[in-house]
């Protein structure tokens, strides 16, 4: 409960600071307040009634919720803030279910301190699956099976400057991530226990200096370096990655260039042993997390120290299209990365990314969070995934959106090599928005060869797709729909399929609005009974 209160206090502080920052951003005491300034802050309170029906058993459960939240957008010469935040208390009507506090939200902010220097911050609060072998709920309402609350935020400066043709860039981010323990995971009895993530502190620093082709020389050249440090409270997990590299770009024509880079990287991941009982089983605390053996030495989970390289091609036939593909050697094997960005109009956007990196849950979450669009669509459909799936931009174009599914397919304390592809398409026409996201993710886990640690050397993978549609029906009515499908395979248990669909209609009567939502989802795993659930929500919102 204290964590929820802390999150609420942090959000309230941010909201209190926004109007003042927006008013003073021009340094004239607000005299130019009407110019280059867009501020929209919409706080609200909401009451809802939710009914849940288990199709297999016929059980019908219901709960009530009271919520307070805010949707805000601030755009001025010096301040940019986009925020959707919500605190909800759920009142259970069934004796087998308890009350719950839920915080969901997504935020990003930038304050331009001086020319070329800004302070950036962002955060996310959502709910996620925890154990990839277990239950796969799609609606994260009052269902706590294998569900954890995830809170994460970052802050740090960004510098963009230079002299003549020389460009200099640098950035630093400090991030904190907290994950609560899940409810019953639904994993088969007798299965080995996986450790539960607690919290981590992540530091990321990057810097580069270089020049474009055709300025100093016919080719472009950039020297860059970076450092990532992730410290987890669980088993003293420590991830330390330091690299430096040089990249060259040689244009072959007005639209095509070849690129290549070579670098040096030193990466070490380590942890301590769990404390074992007399039977050789890891000891857990009251929240199900491993207890660290105080006499354990630090053991290496993964280590690389040496040269890596990649080469590729860049194709930019127009300002609206960019394609980049790389192949190289890294982490002791072949590595493939790339990206595609296509924005034929301001209302249509396509983004595809292929990635390959060794990271932790905390560092992957931060990488994905910074890749989300600055202006995003916040859905009124409370039965759907709230920021744990795909998030779509509000304007299409080059900010089509991004998917967080690869991050939230499960939560792990181990270091892993993450490889996959994400694709997002966003289309905006008048008051209608259509978004489609899909992807594939594979993770290979690295952990010390310690007694009781079973995840070492295993892999998991997931496939996912989501379709989102939103439109206005007349002046006061809107309709939202979400379809999503997922497949999870842990390598430790049979694969799990999950499907879900939601739809909602909202009607406004001035400051008062009502919402009706319907949804259904199912997940299936070999050897276990399928679970199919239908839900309905009736809510009323008052916007101040």
Protein backbone atom coordinates (compact mmCIF):
# COMPACT_ATOMS: atom_id res chain seq x y z
CA UNK A 1 0.00 0.00 0.00
CA UNK A 2 2.88 2.36 0.74
CA UNK A 3 4.21 1.88 -2.79
CA UNK A 4 0.82 2.85 -4.21
CA UNK A 5 0.69 5.95 -2.01
CA UNK A 6 4.24 6.89 -3.07
CA UNK A 7 3.29 6.53 -6.74
CA UNK A 8 0.26 8.73 -6.18
CA UNK A 9 2.33 11.40 -4.43
CA UNK A 10 4.84 11.39 -7.29
CA UNK A 11 2.10 11.83 -9.88
CA UNK A 12 0.48 14.62 -7.87
CA UNK A 13 3.81 16.44 -7.60
CA UNK A 14 4.34 16.21 -11.35
CA UNK A 15 0.85 17.52 -12.07
CA UNK A 16 1.26 20.40 -9.66
CA UNK A 17 4.51 21.42 -11.33
CA UNK A 18 3.24 21.31 -14.92
CA UNK A 19 1.08 24.44 -15.01
CA UNK A 20 3.77 26.56 -13.36
CA UNK A 21 6.42 25.30 -15.75
CA UNK A 22 4.15 25.99 -18.70
CA UNK A 23 3.38 29.53 -17.55
CA UNK A 24 6.99 30.53 -16.99
CA UNK A 25 8.59 28.85 -19.96
CA UNK A 26 9.05 32.03 -22.00
CA UNK A 27 10.77 33.94 -19.23
CA UNK A 28 8.35 36.84 -19.50
CA UNK A 29 6.12 36.12 -16.53
CA UNK A 30 3.50 34.57 -18.79
CA UNK A 31 2.95 37.64 -21.03
CA UNK A 32 3.31 35.55 -24.18
CA UNK A 33 1.13 32.81 -22.74
CA UNK A 34 -1.13 32.78 -25.77
CA UNK A 35 1.66 32.18 -28.29
CA UNK A 36 3.30 28.81 -29.02
CA UNK A 37 1.53 27.24 -26.10
CA UNK A 38 -0.90 24.33 -25.94
CA UNK A 39 -2.07 23.09 -22.58
CA UNK A 40 -4.77 20.47 -22.04
CA UNK A 41 -5.17 18.98 -18.55
CA UNK A 42 -8.23 16.85 -17.85
CA UNK A 43 -8.47 15.36 -14.34
CA UNK A 44 -11.39 13.05 -13.64
CA UNK A 45 -13.03 10.71 -11.16
CA UNK A 46 -14.77 7.51 -12.16
CA UNK A 47 -17.05 4.85 -10.68
CA UNK A 48 -17.43 1.45 -12.34
CA UNK A 49 -19.12 -1.89 -11.85
CA UNK A 50 -17.45 -4.96 -13.40
CA UNK A 51 -18.92 -8.43 -13.86
CA UNK A 52 -16.73 -11.45 -14.65
CA UNK A 53 -18.05 -14.85 -15.77
CA UNK A 54 -15.96 -18.04 -15.97
CA UNK A 55 -17.37 -19.98 -18.92
CA UNK A 56 -16.00 -23.37 -17.78
CA UNK A 57 -17.18 -23.30 -14.17
CA UNK A 58 -20.13 -20.95 -14.54
CA UNK A 59 -18.87 -18.82 -11.64
CA UNK A 60 -19.88 -15.17 -11.80
CA UNK A 61 -17.91 -12.59 -9.82
CA UNK A 62 -18.35 -8.87 -9.55
CA UNK A 63 -16.46 -5.94 -8.12
CA UNK A 64 -16.80 -2.17 -7.92
CA UNK A 65 -14.07 0.37 -8.49
CA UNK A 66 -13.48 4.01 -7.66
CA UNK A 67 -10.79 5.76 -9.66
CA UNK A 68 -9.13 9.14 -10.07
CA UNK A 69 -6.90 10.07 -12.96
CA UNK A 70 -5.69 12.67 -15.39
CA UNK A 71 -4.93 12.96 -19.09
CA UNK A 72 -2.62 15.85 -19.86
CA UNK A 73 -0.70 17.35 -22.74
CA UNK A 74 1.51 20.42 -22.40
CA UNK A 75 3.43 21.80 -25.40
CA UNK A 76 5.32 25.09 -25.08
CA UNK A 77 8.62 26.47 -26.29
CA UNK A 78 10.49 24.96 -23.37
CA UNK A 79 8.22 22.30 -21.89
CA UNK A 80 6.66 19.16 -23.37
CA UNK A 81 4.61 16.80 -21.21
CA UNK A 82 2.32 13.94 -22.19
CA UNK A 83 0.67 12.02 -19.38
CA UNK A 84 -2.10 9.51 -18.80
CA UNK A 85 -2.27 8.37 -15.16
CA UNK A 86 -4.91 6.58 -13.13
CA UNK A 87 -5.29 5.29 -9.57
CA UNK A 88 -8.04 2.76 -8.93
CA UNK A 89 -9.31 0.99 -5.82
CA UNK A 90 -11.26 -2.19 -6.45
CA UNK A 91 -13.89 -3.33 -3.93
CA UNK A 92 -14.43 -7.08 -4.16
CA UNK A 93 -17.92 -8.47 -3.60
CA UNK A 94 -16.78 -12.08 -3.35
CA UNK A 95 -15.21 -13.53 -0.20
CA UNK A 96 -12.62 -15.39 -2.27
CA UNK A 97 -11.34 -12.12 -3.78
CA UNK A 98 -9.76 -9.22 -1.97
CA UNK A 99 -9.71 -5.48 -2.49
CA UNK A 100 -6.92 -4.16 -4.69
CA UNK A 101 -5.12 -0.92 -5.50
CA UNK A 102 -4.09 -0.49 -9.13
CA UNK A 103 -1.97 2.28 -10.62
CA UNK A 104 -1.67 2.51 -14.41
CA UNK A 105 -0.10 5.26 -16.43
CA UNK A 106 2.34 6.40 -19.06
CA UNK A 107 4.23 9.68 -19.05
CA UNK A 108 7.04 11.47 -20.83
CA UNK A 109 8.35 14.96 -20.27
CA UNK A 110 11.07 17.22 -21.61
CA UNK A 111 12.25 20.55 -20.26
CA UNK A 112 14.58 22.48 -22.58
CA UNK A 113 16.96 24.03 -20.06
CA UNK A 114 19.17 25.83 -22.56
CA UNK A 115 20.07 25.70 -26.23
CA UNK A 116 20.94 22.07 -26.98
CA UNK A 117 20.41 20.95 -23.37
CA UNK A 118 17.25 19.32 -22.06
CA UNK A 119 16.11 17.35 -19.04
CA UNK A 120 14.08 14.27 -19.99
CA UNK A 121 11.88 12.09 -17.81
CA UNK A 122 9.30 9.37 -18.27
CA UNK A 123 7.58 6.53 -16.53
CA UNK A 124 5.15 3.67 -16.79
CA UNK A 125 2.82 1.88 -14.38
CA UNK A 126 1.11 -1.24 -15.63
CA UNK A 127 0.39 -4.90 -14.89
CA UNK A 128 2.28 -7.85 -16.37
CA UNK A 129 2.50 -11.62 -16.48
CA UNK A 130 5.28 -12.83 -14.20
CA UNK A 131 6.04 -16.53 -14.78
CA UNK A 132 6.08 -17.40 -18.50
CA UNK A 133 5.08 -21.00 -17.69
CA UNK A 134 1.92 -19.93 -15.90
CA UNK A 135 -1.49 -18.39 -16.45
CA UNK A 136 -1.87 -15.94 -19.32
CA UNK A 137 -4.67 -13.52 -18.37
CA UNK A 138 -5.37 -10.80 -20.91
CA UNK A 139 -7.63 -8.64 -18.74
CA UNK A 140 -5.71 -7.38 -15.72
CA UNK A 141 -8.75 -6.22 -13.77
CA UNK A 142 -9.39 -8.09 -10.54
CA UNK A 143 -7.52 -11.18 -11.82
CA UNK A 144 -4.31 -11.63 -9.82
CA UNK A 145 -3.28 -15.06 -11.17
CA UNK A 146 0.33 -14.72 -12.35
CA UNK A 147 -0.06 -10.93 -12.44
CA UNK A 148 2.40 -8.38 -11.01
CA UNK A 149 2.28 -4.60 -10.80
CA UNK A 150 5.19 -2.93 -12.59
CA UNK A 151 6.37 0.62 -11.85
CA UNK A 152 9.31 2.21 -13.64
CA UNK A 153 10.61 5.72 -14.25
CA UNK A 154 13.69 7.47 -15.61
CA UNK A 155 15.22 10.95 -15.59
CA UNK A 156 18.36 12.51 -17.01
CA UNK A 157 19.91 15.22 -19.23
CA UNK A 158 20.40 15.19 -22.99
CA UNK A 159 23.01 17.33 -24.77
CA UNK A 160 22.96 18.08 -28.50
CA UNK A 161 25.59 20.53 -29.67
CA UNK A 162 28.56 20.89 -32.00
CA UNK A 163 30.94 23.20 -33.79
CA UNK A 164 30.71 23.69 -37.54
CA UNK A 165 30.30 20.26 -39.17
CA UNK A 166 31.12 18.43 -35.94
CA UNK A 167 28.09 17.14 -34.02
CA UNK A 168 28.31 16.19 -30.33
CA UNK A 169 25.63 14.23 -28.49
CA UNK A 170 25.50 12.90 -24.95
CA UNK A 171 22.85 11.59 -22.59
CA UNK A 172 22.52 10.06 -19.14
CA UNK A 173 19.52 8.25 -17.67
CA UNK A 174 18.88 6.98 -14.17
CA UNK A 175 15.94 4.60 -13.87
CA UNK A 176 14.23 2.69 -11.08
CA UNK A 177 11.98 -0.34 -11.64
CA UNK A 178 9.79 -2.09 -9.07
CA UNK A 179 7.77 -5.30 -9.58
CA UNK A 180 5.37 -6.72 -7.00
CA UNK A 181 5.11 -10.45 -6.36
CA UNK A 182 2.43 -12.24 -8.42
CA UNK A 183 -0.65 -14.08 -7.28
CA UNK A 184 -0.97 -17.85 -7.88
CA UNK A 185 0.90 -18.56 -11.11
CA UNK A 186 -1.02 -21.65 -12.19
CA UNK A 187 2.24 -23.54 -12.75
CA UNK A 188 1.86 -27.32 -12.38
CA UNK A 189 2.54 -28.61 -8.84
CA UNK A 190 6.09 -29.85 -8.35
CA UNK A 191 7.56 -27.51 -10.97
CA UNK A 192 10.85 -25.85 -9.96
CA UNK A 193 10.46 -22.36 -8.55
CA UNK A 194 11.66 -19.36 -10.52
CA UNK A 195 12.90 -16.32 -8.67
CA UNK A 196 10.60 -13.28 -8.52
CA UNK A 197 11.99 -9.92 -9.65
CA UNK A 198 11.95 -7.28 -6.90
CA UNK A 199 13.52 -3.98 -7.96
CA UNK A 200 16.49 -2.60 -9.88
CA UNK A 201 18.42 0.62 -10.43
CA UNK A 202 19.55 1.21 -14.01
CA UNK A 203 22.08 3.74 -15.30
CA UNK A 204 22.59 4.38 -19.01
CA UNK A 205 25.14 6.84 -20.43
CA UNK A 206 25.91 7.45 -24.11
CA UNK A 207 28.10 9.93 -26.02
CA UNK A 208 29.10 10.47 -29.64
CA UNK A 209 31.05 12.89 -31.83
CA UNK A 210 31.19 12.89 -35.61
CA UNK A 211 30.49 14.54 -38.93
CA UNK A 212 28.16 13.80 -41.85
CA UNK A 213 29.32 12.72 -45.29
CA UNK A 214 30.09 15.59 -47.65
CA UNK A 215 31.14 18.01 -44.89
CA UNK A 216 34.67 17.22 -43.73
CA UNK A 217 35.15 14.27 -46.10
CA UNK A 218 33.16 12.34 -48.73
CA UNK A 219 32.27 9.85 -46.03
CA UNK A 220 30.72 10.35 -42.60
CA UNK A 221 32.45 9.24 -39.43
CA UNK A 222 31.20 8.91 -35.84
CA UNK A 223 32.94 7.77 -32.67
CA UNK A 224 30.62 6.72 -29.86
CA UNK A 225 30.59 4.98 -26.53
CA UNK A 226 28.18 3.87 -23.87
CA UNK A 227 27.77 2.34 -20.44
CA UNK A 228 24.88 0.43 -18.92
CA UNK A 229 24.75 -0.62 -15.28
CA UNK A 230 21.82 -2.52 -13.75
CA UNK A 231 21.81 -3.45 -10.05
CA UNK A 232 19.06 -5.72 -8.76
CA UNK A 233 18.21 -6.36 -5.15
CA UNK A 234 17.57 -10.05 -5.89
CA UNK A 235 20.66 -12.22 -5.27
CA UNK A 236 22.83 -9.16 -5.80
CA UNK A 237 22.40 -9.40 -9.58
CA UNK A 238 24.76 -6.98 -11.32
CA UNK A 239 24.92 -6.17 -15.04
CA UNK A 240 27.78 -3.98 -16.33
CA UNK A 241 28.24 -3.21 -20.03
CA UNK A 242 30.88 -0.81 -21.40
CA UNK A 243 31.51 -0.29 -25.12
CA UNK A 244 33.14 2.05 -27.66
CA UNK A 245 32.93 1.99 -31.43
CA UNK A 246 33.59 3.86 -34.68
CA UNK A 247 31.07 3.96 -37.53
CA UNK A 248 31.55 5.08 -41.14
CA UNK A 249 28.97 5.99 -43.80
CA UNK A 250 29.87 6.04 -47.50
CA UNK A 251 27.19 7.33 -49.92
CA UNK A 252 26.94 5.40 -53.20
CA UNK A 253 24.19 7.60 -54.61
CA UNK A 254 21.71 10.21 -53.48
CA UNK A 255 19.55 7.47 -51.91
CA UNK A 256 21.87 4.61 -50.93
CA UNK A 257 24.86 4.40 -48.59
CA UNK A 258 26.90 1.56 -47.16
CA UNK A 259 27.71 1.62 -43.47
CA UNK A 260 30.10 -0.23 -41.22
CA UNK A 261 31.32 -0.13 -37.67
CA UNK A 262 33.77 -1.82 -35.34
CA UNK A 263 33.93 -1.63 -31.58
CA UNK A 264 35.14 -3.06 -28.32
CA UNK A 265 32.79 -4.26 -25.60
CA UNK A 266 33.27 -5.54 -22.08
CA UNK A 267 30.12 -6.98 -20.55
CA UNK A 268 29.84 -8.85 -17.26
CA UNK A 269 26.74 -10.17 -15.53
CA UNK A 270 27.03 -11.76 -12.08
CA UNK A 271 25.01 -12.78 -9.04
CA UNK A 272 25.26 -14.54 -5.70
CA UNK A 273 23.85 -17.96 -4.72
CA UNK A 274 20.45 -18.46 -3.11
CA UNK A 275 20.41 -19.80 0.44
CA UNK A 276 19.51 -23.52 0.46
CA UNK A 277 17.66 -25.57 3.05
CA UNK A 278 18.70 -29.04 4.24
CA UNK A 279 17.07 -30.62 1.14
CA UNK A 280 19.00 -28.39 -1.25
CA UNK A 281 15.94 -26.28 -2.13
CA UNK A 282 16.29 -22.46 -2.30
CA UNK A 283 14.90 -20.67 0.76
CA UNK A 284 12.27 -18.03 -0.05
CA UNK A 285 11.00 -15.08 1.95
CA UNK A 286 7.36 -14.29 2.71
CA UNK A 287 6.89 -12.86 -0.78
CA UNK A 288 8.29 -15.89 -2.60
CA UNK A 289 11.67 -14.39 -3.49
CA UNK A 290 14.98 -16.21 -3.06
CA UNK A 291 17.02 -15.38 0.03
CA UNK A 292 20.65 -14.59 -0.74
CA UNK A 293 23.33 -16.78 0.82
CA UNK A 294 25.46 -14.30 2.84
CA UNK A 295 28.53 -16.52 2.40
CA UNK A 296 28.22 -16.91 -1.36
CA UNK A 297 30.94 -15.51 -3.63
CA UNK A 298 29.92 -13.51 -6.67
CA UNK A 299 29.49 -15.86 -9.64
CA UNK A 300 29.61 -14.99 -13.34
CA UNK A 301 26.38 -15.47 -15.30
CA UNK A 302 27.56 -14.08 -18.65
CA UNK A 303 30.75 -12.40 -19.84
CA UNK A 304 32.14 -11.09 -23.10
CA UNK A 305 35.28 -9.05 -23.65
CA UNK A 306 36.48 -8.27 -27.18
CA UNK A 307 35.96 -6.84 -30.63
CA UNK A 308 32.63 -6.82 -32.44
CA UNK A 309 31.62 -5.46 -35.85
CA UNK A 310 28.74 -4.96 -38.25
CA UNK A 311 28.14 -3.70 -41.78
CA UNK A 312 25.07 -2.85 -43.78
CA UNK A 313 23.17 -0.59 -46.12
CA UNK A 314 20.99 2.51 -45.71
CA UNK A 315 18.29 3.37 -48.25
CA UNK A 316 16.48 6.72 -48.06
CA UNK A 317 14.59 7.37 -51.30
CA UNK A 318 12.62 10.25 -49.76
CA UNK A 319 12.21 12.10 -46.44
CA UNK A 320 9.24 9.81 -45.77
CA UNK A 321 11.06 6.47 -46.16
CA UNK A 322 14.15 5.06 -44.46
CA UNK A 323 15.41 1.47 -44.50
CA UNK A 324 18.52 0.26 -42.67
CA UNK A 325 19.87 -3.31 -42.37
CA UNK A 326 22.99 -4.59 -40.57
CA UNK A 327 24.75 -7.93 -40.20
CA UNK A 328 27.78 -8.59 -38.04
CA UNK A 329 29.43 -10.63 -35.31
CA UNK A 330 28.59 -9.95 -31.68
CA UNK A 331 28.08 -12.01 -28.51
CA UNK A 332 30.05 -14.86 -30.12
CA UNK A 333 27.67 -15.39 -33.08
CA UNK A 334 26.10 -13.70 -36.08
CA UNK A 335 23.89 -10.74 -35.28
CA UNK A 336 21.17 -9.12 -37.42
CA UNK A 337 19.57 -5.71 -36.78
CA UNK A 338 17.64 -3.20 -38.82
CA UNK A 339 14.78 -0.73 -39.06
CA UNK A 340 12.16 0.56 -41.47
CA UNK A 341 10.25 3.83 -41.20
CA UNK A 342 7.61 4.77 -43.76
CA UNK A 343 5.29 7.77 -43.46
CA UNK A 344 3.58 8.49 -46.81
CA UNK A 345 1.39 11.14 -45.14
CA UNK A 346 1.12 12.78 -41.72
CA UNK A 347 -1.75 10.45 -40.87
CA UNK A 348 -0.12 7.14 -41.88
CA UNK A 349 2.94 5.60 -40.30
CA UNK A 350 4.78 2.26 -40.49
CA UNK A 351 7.67 1.31 -38.21
CA UNK A 352 9.60 -1.97 -38.10
CA UNK A 353 12.56 -2.78 -35.87
CA UNK A 354 14.84 -5.82 -35.70
CA UNK A 355 16.95 -6.04 -32.54
CA UNK A 356 19.63 -8.22 -30.95
CA UNK A 357 21.06 -7.30 -27.56
CA UNK A 358 22.11 -8.75 -24.21
CA UNK A 359 20.19 -7.03 -21.42
CA UNK A 360 18.13 -7.33 -18.26
CA UNK A 361 14.44 -6.77 -17.59
CA UNK A 362 15.20 -3.29 -16.23
CA UNK A 363 17.38 -2.21 -19.16
CA UNK A 364 15.01 -3.69 -21.77
CA UNK A 365 12.06 -1.90 -20.17
CA UNK A 366 13.93 1.41 -20.33
CA UNK A 367 14.98 0.87 -23.95
CA UNK A 368 11.40 0.10 -24.96
CA UNK A 369 9.92 2.92 -22.87
CA UNK A 370 12.11 5.52 -24.59
CA UNK A 371 10.99 4.13 -27.95
CA UNK A 372 7.31 4.91 -27.37
CA UNK A 373 5.77 7.86 -29.24
CA UNK A 374 5.80 11.18 -27.41
CA UNK A 375 2.09 11.66 -28.15
CA UNK A 376 0.16 8.45 -27.60
CA UNK A 377 -3.41 7.15 -27.57
CA UNK A 378 -4.85 6.50 -24.10
CA UNK A 379 -7.84 4.16 -24.33
CA UNK A 380 -10.98 4.40 -22.21
CA UNK A 381 -11.38 0.60 -22.49
CA UNK A 382 -10.35 -0.48 -19.00
CA UNK A 383 -10.74 -4.19 -19.78
CA UNK A 384 -7.92 -4.13 -22.34
CA UNK A 385 -4.17 -4.18 -21.85
CA UNK A 386 -3.10 -0.87 -20.32
CA UNK A 387 0.29 0.05 -21.84
CA UNK A 388 1.63 -3.54 -21.53
CA UNK A 389 0.87 -4.26 -25.18
CA UNK A 390 1.15 -1.95 -28.19
CA UNK A 391 0.86 1.82 -27.77
CA UNK A 392 -0.06 3.84 -30.85
CA UNK A 393 0.73 7.45 -31.69
CA UNK A 394 -2.00 10.04 -32.09
CA UNK A 395 -0.81 11.51 -35.39
CA UNK A 396 0.58 8.59 -37.41
CA UNK A 397 3.56 9.62 -39.55
CA UNK A 398 6.99 8.85 -38.11
CA UNK A 399 5.55 8.32 -34.60
CA UNK A 400 3.37 5.32 -35.43
CA UNK A 401 3.90 3.62 -32.08
CA UNK A 402 5.70 0.71 -30.45
CA UNK A 403 4.94 -2.58 -28.68
CA UNK A 404 5.98 -3.55 -25.14
CA UNK A 405 4.92 -7.21 -25.46
CA UNK A 406 8.49 -8.49 -25.64
CA UNK A 407 9.23 -6.81 -22.30
CA UNK A 408 6.09 -7.98 -20.50
CA UNK A 409 5.86 -11.54 -21.85
CA UNK A 410 7.26 -12.41 -18.42
CA UNK A 411 9.44 -10.85 -15.73
CA UNK A 412 12.85 -12.40 -15.09
CA UNK A 413 15.73 -11.67 -12.74
CA UNK A 414 18.23 -13.27 -15.14
CA UNK A 415 20.33 -11.62 -17.85
CA UNK A 416 19.26 -12.68 -21.33
CA UNK A 417 20.05 -12.26 -25.01
CA UNK A 418 16.97 -10.67 -26.53
CA UNK A 419 16.34 -11.03 -30.27
CA UNK A 420 13.22 -10.26 -32.24
CA UNK A 421 11.22 -8.03 -34.53
CA UNK A 422 8.42 -5.52 -33.90
CA UNK A 423 6.14 -3.93 -36.50
CA UNK A 424 3.57 -1.17 -35.98
CA UNK A 425 1.15 0.45 -38.44
CA UNK A 426 -0.89 3.53 -37.50
CA UNK A 427 -3.58 5.24 -39.56
CA UNK A 428 -5.51 8.38 -38.59
CA UNK A 429 -8.44 9.71 -40.59
CA UNK A 430 -10.38 12.56 -39.02
CA UNK A 431 -11.65 11.30 -35.67
CA UNK A 432 -10.81 7.65 -36.43
CA UNK A 433 -7.60 5.83 -35.52
CA UNK A 434 -6.55 2.36 -36.61
CA UNK A 435 -3.46 0.69 -35.17
CA UNK A 436 -1.90 -2.71 -35.79
CA UNK A 437 1.12 -4.16 -34.02
CA UNK A 438 2.80 -7.56 -34.26
CA UNK A 439 6.10 -9.12 -33.32
CA UNK A 440 8.26 -12.03 -32.30
CA UNK A 441 10.66 -12.21 -29.35
CA UNK A 442 13.22 -14.82 -28.30
CA UNK A 443 15.23 -14.70 -25.08
CA UNK A 444 18.12 -16.96 -24.06
CA UNK A 445 18.81 -16.79 -20.33
CA UNK A 446 22.17 -16.57 -18.56
CA UNK A 447 22.50 -17.26 -14.84
CA UNK A 448 25.26 -18.55 -12.55
CA UNK A 449 25.52 -22.32 -12.26
CA UNK A 450 24.21 -22.19 -8.70
CA UNK A 451 22.23 -24.88 -6.85
CA UNK A 452 18.49 -24.42 -7.24
CA UNK A 453 18.76 -22.06 -10.25
CA UNK A 454 16.95 -23.79 -13.15
CA UNK A 455 16.67 -21.03 -15.74
CA UNK A 456 20.32 -21.19 -16.86
CA UNK A 457 20.67 -22.10 -20.54
CA UNK A 458 16.91 -22.11 -21.19
CA UNK A 459 15.10 -20.00 -23.79
CA UNK A 460 11.60 -18.62 -24.18
CA UNK A 461 9.80 -17.03 -27.06
CA UNK A 462 6.57 -15.25 -27.82
CA UNK A 463 4.49 -14.23 -30.81
CA UNK A 464 1.99 -11.42 -30.48
CA UNK A 465 -0.44 -9.30 -32.48
CA UNK A 466 -2.86 -6.50 -31.62
CA UNK A 467 -5.46 -4.56 -33.59
CA UNK A 468 -6.86 -1.29 -32.21
CA UNK A 469 -9.67 0.85 -33.61
CA UNK A 470 -11.18 4.06 -32.29
CA UNK A 471 -13.75 6.36 -33.85
CA UNK A 472 -16.35 9.01 -33.04
CA UNK A 473 -20.01 8.32 -33.64
CA UNK A 474 -21.56 11.73 -33.79
CA UNK A 475 -20.48 14.63 -31.60
CA UNK A 476 -20.76 13.00 -28.17
CA UNK A 477 -20.24 9.26 -28.69
CA UNK A 478 -17.06 7.25 -29.31
CA UNK A 479 -16.29 3.59 -29.94
CA UNK A 480 -13.10 1.63 -29.17
CA UNK A 481 -12.21 -1.96 -30.02
CA UNK A 482 -9.15 -4.11 -29.26
CA UNK A 483 -8.23 -7.57 -30.56
CA UNK A 484 -5.11 -9.37 -29.35
CA UNK A 485 -3.47 -12.78 -29.69
CA UNK A 486 -0.37 -14.17 -27.97
CA UNK A 487 1.65 -17.37 -27.91
CA UNK A 488 4.19 -18.04 -25.12
CA UNK A 489 6.70 -20.91 -25.04
CA UNK A 490 9.02 -21.08 -22.04
CA UNK A 491 11.14 -24.11 -22.89
CA UNK A 492 10.28 -25.32 -19.38
CA UNK A 493 6.59 -26.11 -19.98
CA UNK A 494 4.13 -26.54 -22.89
CA UNK A 495 3.28 -23.42 -24.88
CA UNK A 496 0.33 -21.20 -24.00
CA UNK A 497 -2.10 -19.60 -26.44
CA UNK A 498 -4.18 -16.60 -25.43
CA UNK A 499 -6.79 -14.63 -27.35
CA UNK A 500 -8.85 -11.63 -26.35
CA UNK A 501 -11.25 -9.00 -27.64
CA UNK A 502 -12.85 -5.93 -26.08
CA UNK A 503 -15.21 -3.24 -27.24
CA UNK A 504 -16.52 -0.12 -25.54
CA UNK A 505 -18.93 2.71 -26.24
CA UNK A 506 -18.55 6.04 -24.42
CA UNK A 507 -21.10 8.85 -24.32
CA UNK A 508 -20.52 12.32 -22.94
CA UNK A 509 -23.11 14.61 -21.39
CA UNK A 510 -21.04 17.71 -20.82
CA UNK A 511 -18.56 16.98 -18.04
CA UNK A 512 -20.26 13.68 -17.24
CA UNK A 513 -19.60 10.63 -19.37
CA UNK A 514 -20.65 6.99 -19.36
CA UNK A 515 -18.89 3.89 -20.70
CA UNK A 516 -20.10 0.39 -21.46
CA UNK A 517 -17.45 -2.25 -22.21
CA UNK A 518 -17.67 -5.92 -23.13
CA UNK A 519 -14.80 -8.36 -23.44
CA UNK A 520 -13.89 -12.02 -23.70
CA UNK A 521 -10.59 -13.88 -23.50
CA UNK A 522 -9.31 -17.42 -23.40
CA UNK A 523 -5.98 -19.13 -22.85
CA UNK A 524 -5.02 -22.72 -23.44
CA UNK A 525 -2.08 -24.89 -22.35
CA UNK A 526 -1.51 -28.55 -23.09
CA UNK A 527 -2.22 -30.73 -20.09
CA UNK A 528 -4.35 -28.12 -18.34
CA UNK A 529 -7.98 -27.09 -18.62
CA UNK A 530 -8.72 -24.17 -20.92
CA UNK A 531 -9.86 -20.97 -19.26
CA UNK A 532 -12.41 -18.72 -20.95
CA UNK A 533 -13.74 -15.58 -19.30
CA UNK A 534 -16.26 -12.93 -20.28
CA UNK A 535 -16.40 -9.50 -18.68
CA UNK A 536 -18.72 -6.51 -18.74
CA UNK A 537 -18.18 -3.01 -17.35
CA UNK A 538 -20.53 -0.11 -16.74
CA UNK A 539 -18.89 3.12 -15.63
CA UNK A 540 -19.50 6.83 -15.16
CA UNK A 541 -16.79 9.51 -15.34
CA UNK A 542 -16.87 13.14 -14.24
CA UNK A 543 -14.22 15.34 -15.84
CA UNK A 544 -13.23 18.55 -14.07
